[in-house]
């Protein structure tokens, strides 16, 4: 897929300029974003992050990628089971699993610093709260995550 190349000043604006509220409302309608699903997806991601953070045994126990993946898988399965108890089912494997494994591998497991853990929490809260100001870059990221999770949400089990 060919994307239009942005000039440096266009790219800077894309990642820094805040989109006005009316344009965000238009974005929500144009992309058929259901705000209740958006809240559900935030709960999903926040639950995953909280489980990862609260059950991480430390770098002295989880020393390699094998242990990191095992920990992530345990957290993932725990989260899916908890949602299943509420009759909300997500596919076990799929693009959502790969997306979040890569996200948390890079942002948490590999770069595990206290300031990073706070930044992850702030980032997720900012991204999924539709009433908080956003840039076009953040809206694109939110759209990608929203549709990945929507594709992997199973209605009937």
Protein backbone atom coordinates (compact mmCIF):
# COMPACT_ATOMS: atom_id res chain seq x y z
CA UNK A 1 0.00 0.00 0.00
CA UNK A 2 1.41 3.35 -1.02
CA UNK A 3 1.10 6.14 1.50
CA UNK A 4 1.49 9.76 0.67
CA UNK A 5 4.85 11.03 1.85
CA UNK A 6 4.71 13.96 4.20
CA UNK A 7 7.09 16.86 4.22
CA UNK A 8 8.87 17.31 7.56
CA UNK A 9 6.64 20.23 8.58
CA UNK A 10 3.54 18.21 7.63
CA UNK A 11 4.74 15.26 9.68
CA UNK A 12 5.46 17.51 12.66
CA UNK A 13 1.93 18.89 12.44
CA UNK A 14 0.52 15.35 12.11
CA UNK A 15 2.09 14.27 15.39
CA UNK A 16 1.72 17.51 17.37
CA UNK A 17 -1.28 19.57 16.25
CA UNK A 18 -4.41 18.95 18.29
CA UNK A 19 -7.58 18.09 16.37
CA UNK A 20 -10.56 20.24 17.37
CA UNK A 21 -13.56 18.64 19.10
CA UNK A 22 -15.85 18.93 16.07
CA UNK A 23 -13.32 17.11 13.89
CA UNK A 24 -12.96 14.37 16.50
CA UNK A 25 -16.75 13.98 16.56
CA UNK A 26 -16.72 13.74 12.76
CA UNK A 27 -13.90 11.19 12.96
CA UNK A 28 -15.94 9.05 15.37
CA UNK A 29 -18.96 9.10 13.03
CA UNK A 30 -16.95 8.52 9.84
CA UNK A 31 -15.16 5.51 11.31
CA UNK A 32 -18.29 4.08 12.97
CA UNK A 33 -16.55 4.06 16.34
CA UNK A 34 -18.89 2.85 19.05
CA UNK A 35 -17.99 4.70 22.25
CA UNK A 36 -19.20 1.80 24.42
CA UNK A 37 -16.90 -0.57 22.53
CA UNK A 38 -14.14 1.98 22.92
CA UNK A 39 -14.62 1.81 26.70
CA UNK A 40 -14.66 -1.99 26.54
CA UNK A 41 -11.44 -2.02 24.54
CA UNK A 42 -9.82 0.37 27.02
CA UNK A 43 -10.85 -1.99 29.83
CA UNK A 44 -9.29 -4.85 27.88
CA UNK A 45 -5.96 -3.11 27.28
CA UNK A 46 -5.84 -1.58 30.74
CA UNK A 47 -6.63 -4.97 32.28
CA UNK A 48 -3.82 -6.56 30.30
CA UNK A 49 -1.35 -3.86 31.29
CA UNK A 50 -2.39 -3.98 34.95
CA UNK A 51 -2.01 -7.76 35.03
CA UNK A 52 1.40 -7.57 33.37
CA UNK A 53 2.61 -4.88 35.78
CA UNK A 54 1.21 -6.43 38.96
CA UNK A 55 2.40 -9.99 38.29
CA UNK A 56 5.83 -9.23 36.85
CA UNK A 57 8.33 -11.01 39.09
CA UNK A 58 11.29 -8.82 38.17
CA UNK A 59 14.26 -8.94 35.86
CA UNK A 60 16.08 -11.35 38.16
CA UNK A 61 13.35 -13.99 37.58
CA UNK A 62 12.18 -13.11 34.08
CA UNK A 63 15.57 -12.93 32.41
CA UNK A 64 14.99 -13.84 28.77
CA UNK A 65 12.50 -13.63 25.94
CA UNK A 66 11.18 -17.13 26.68
CA UNK A 67 10.16 -16.12 30.22
CA UNK A 68 8.80 -12.78 28.98
CA UNK A 69 6.61 -14.57 26.44
CA UNK A 70 5.43 -17.07 29.08
CA UNK A 71 4.53 -14.24 31.43
CA UNK A 72 2.72 -12.35 28.69
CA UNK A 73 0.82 -15.51 27.67
CA UNK A 74 -0.22 -16.14 31.27
CA UNK A 75 -1.47 -12.55 31.58
CA UNK A 76 -3.22 -12.78 28.19
CA UNK A 77 -5.00 -16.03 29.05
CA UNK A 78 -5.97 -14.72 32.48
CA UNK A 79 -7.49 -11.61 30.89
CA UNK A 80 -9.42 -13.59 28.28
CA UNK A 81 -10.78 -15.89 30.99
CA UNK A 82 -11.89 -12.92 33.10
CA UNK A 83 -13.69 -11.34 30.14
CA UNK A 84 -15.21 -14.73 29.32
CA UNK A 85 -16.73 -14.87 32.80
CA UNK A 86 -18.63 -11.71 31.79
CA UNK A 87 -19.69 -13.33 28.47
CA UNK A 88 -17.32 -11.13 26.50
CA UNK A 89 -15.14 -13.22 24.25
CA UNK A 90 -12.02 -12.30 22.34
CA UNK A 91 -10.19 -14.68 20.03
CA UNK A 92 -7.27 -16.40 21.74
CA UNK A 93 -4.89 -15.76 18.85
CA UNK A 94 -4.91 -13.23 16.07
CA UNK A 95 -3.62 -9.84 15.05
CA UNK A 96 -4.60 -8.41 18.45
CA UNK A 97 -2.38 -10.90 20.26
CA UNK A 98 0.58 -10.10 18.01
CA UNK A 99 -0.04 -6.36 18.30
CA UNK A 100 -0.09 -6.32 22.09
CA UNK A 101 2.75 -8.80 22.49
CA UNK A 102 4.94 -6.53 20.36
CA UNK A 103 3.70 -3.39 22.10
CA UNK A 104 4.37 -4.67 25.62
CA UNK A 105 7.58 -6.41 24.63
CA UNK A 106 9.04 -3.13 23.37
CA UNK A 107 7.46 -0.71 25.83
CA UNK A 108 7.49 -2.76 29.03
CA UNK A 109 9.56 -5.92 29.03
CA UNK A 110 12.64 -4.60 27.20
CA UNK A 111 12.57 -1.00 28.45
CA UNK A 112 11.42 -1.68 32.00
CA UNK A 113 12.00 1.58 33.82
CA UNK A 114 9.69 3.17 36.36
CA UNK A 115 9.17 6.27 34.23
CA UNK A 116 8.20 4.07 31.26
CA UNK A 117 5.51 2.28 33.24
CA UNK A 118 3.93 5.62 34.12
CA UNK A 119 4.15 6.77 30.51
CA UNK A 120 2.41 3.61 29.27
CA UNK A 121 -0.46 4.16 31.69
CA UNK A 122 -0.76 7.84 30.74
CA UNK A 123 -0.55 7.02 27.04
CA UNK A 124 -3.32 4.40 27.19
CA UNK A 125 -5.58 6.67 29.23
CA UNK A 126 -5.01 9.58 26.87
CA UNK A 127 -5.49 7.47 23.76
CA UNK A 128 -8.78 5.84 24.75
CA UNK A 129 -10.50 8.80 26.37
CA UNK A 130 -12.27 10.33 23.39
CA UNK A 131 -12.94 13.60 25.24
CA UNK A 132 -9.20 14.24 25.76
CA UNK A 133 -7.51 16.27 23.01
CA UNK A 134 -5.83 14.19 20.31
CA UNK A 135 -3.54 14.60 17.36
CA UNK A 136 -4.17 13.00 13.96
CA UNK A 137 -1.41 10.55 14.77
CA UNK A 138 -3.19 9.48 17.95
CA UNK A 139 -6.50 9.15 16.12
CA UNK A 140 -4.86 6.91 13.53
CA UNK A 141 -3.37 4.75 16.27
CA UNK A 142 -6.69 4.57 18.12
CA UNK A 143 -8.44 3.57 14.89
CA UNK A 144 -5.93 0.80 14.24
CA UNK A 145 -6.25 -0.64 17.76
CA UNK A 146 -10.04 -0.27 17.75
CA UNK A 147 -10.44 -2.23 14.50
CA UNK A 148 -7.92 -4.90 15.51
CA UNK A 149 -9.87 -5.54 18.71
CA UNK A 150 -13.24 -5.31 16.99
CA UNK A 151 -12.17 -7.97 14.46
CA UNK A 152 -11.18 -10.28 17.31
CA UNK A 153 -14.24 -9.74 19.48
CA UNK A 154 -16.44 -12.81 19.30
CA UNK A 155 -20.15 -12.23 19.77
CA UNK A 156 -21.27 -15.84 20.28
CA UNK A 157 -19.33 -18.52 22.09
